[in-house]
Amino acid sequence: MRDNTIFDDVFRTMMEKMTFLVVPLINDVFHTSYPADVKIVQLRNEYQRVDGEIITDSRLLIGNRIYHIECQSTDDTTMAVRMIEYDFATAVEFARKQGRRYRMEFPRSCVLYLRNSRNTPDFLEVDVVFPDGGCHLYRVPAIKVENYTKDKIFEKSLLMLLPFYIMRYEKRGHEMSENPQLFQELLNEYEVIRSKLEVEITESGRSELFSDLIGLITRISDHIFRNEEKVRKGIGEIMGGHVLELESEKRARLMAEAKEQAEALGREQGMAQGMAQGIAQGMAQGMAQGIAQGMAQGEERLSVLINRLILDNRGNEIQKVVTDKEMREAMYREYQL
């Protein structure tokens, strides 16, 4: 079993936990047109052979076709033989019996080269000679990350290549640490990448993917520039300082804000209603008290007037004073009451 590397870990993380990211790559390499939400089935990646276990990077089933993608961080000259070994094992596993005859179909395969040299071919090829002497060419494409600019990556939605994009600069890490202009150019480029990634993911409705990809990008960058603290820290600040709000967080925030606004509105309405009720009650109570007080004061005033009339031997006018308002008011003025 081959040694695991950080590159294998990142690649397999995307294949197993963010499998939908591979769809644009498959469409680009094999000239298919699968929609972003096409159903993908993960197939097992382990095979047992006489001298030990072999593990493939990724085998996927889409519809009735099997796709096999290997991620390679070095230009291994034995890769072509390894690929046909993996693909032959897949063809045997899914061989279909037709009467006494079998049909074996090889998967559609490719190798994703994270690093490549001038000698890395565009296709890996093996001449397979069958028992009857017939020869067939086994041929799979070699995909080189270095050939994809950041503009092409976003144009084709090849977001799964972004974590490995930094590898094209790994031989210039020390140079960028010493050259402020080169270092700033790198930071500017990653600021553009971050901004485009934010737009791409926001438009796709997968906000939660932003922080996941940022984490993978930073992880590869930290590894590549582990001996160049300035460069590593600079990219980390550019990428790590911006995290999109997750959809779940957004919903929770909006619900909390709506609840808070409703409570605030309720408080305002309650206060307004309370004030209106208070004013109405106050007015009613005031009117009642005023009427009562006025009636009491009126009765006292009238009582004084009647007493004065009796003392002045004008008792015969009492009936008029009680029943005639104008007469009563005139008497109040007369007695200065």
Foldseek 3Di string as FASTA:
>chain_A
DDDDDLVLVLLLCCCPVVVLLCVLVCCVFVVDDDDSPFDKDWDAFWDADDVGIDGFSTWIDGPNAIEGEHEAAEQDLCVLVVVVVSQVVVQVVPWDDDPPDIDGDGHQYEYEYLDDDPPRDQKRWDWDQDPVRDTDIDIHGYHYLQVADLVNCLVSVNLSSLLSNCVVCLVCLVVCLVDVVNLVVVLVSLLVSLVSVCVSCVVVVQLVVLVVSLVSSLVSLCVSVVVRVVSSVSSCCSSVVDHGQGPVNVVVVVVVVVVVVVVVVVVVVVVVVVVVVVVVVVVVVVVVVVVVVVVVVVVVLLVVLCVVCVVVVNNVCNVVLVVPVVVVVVSCVVVVD
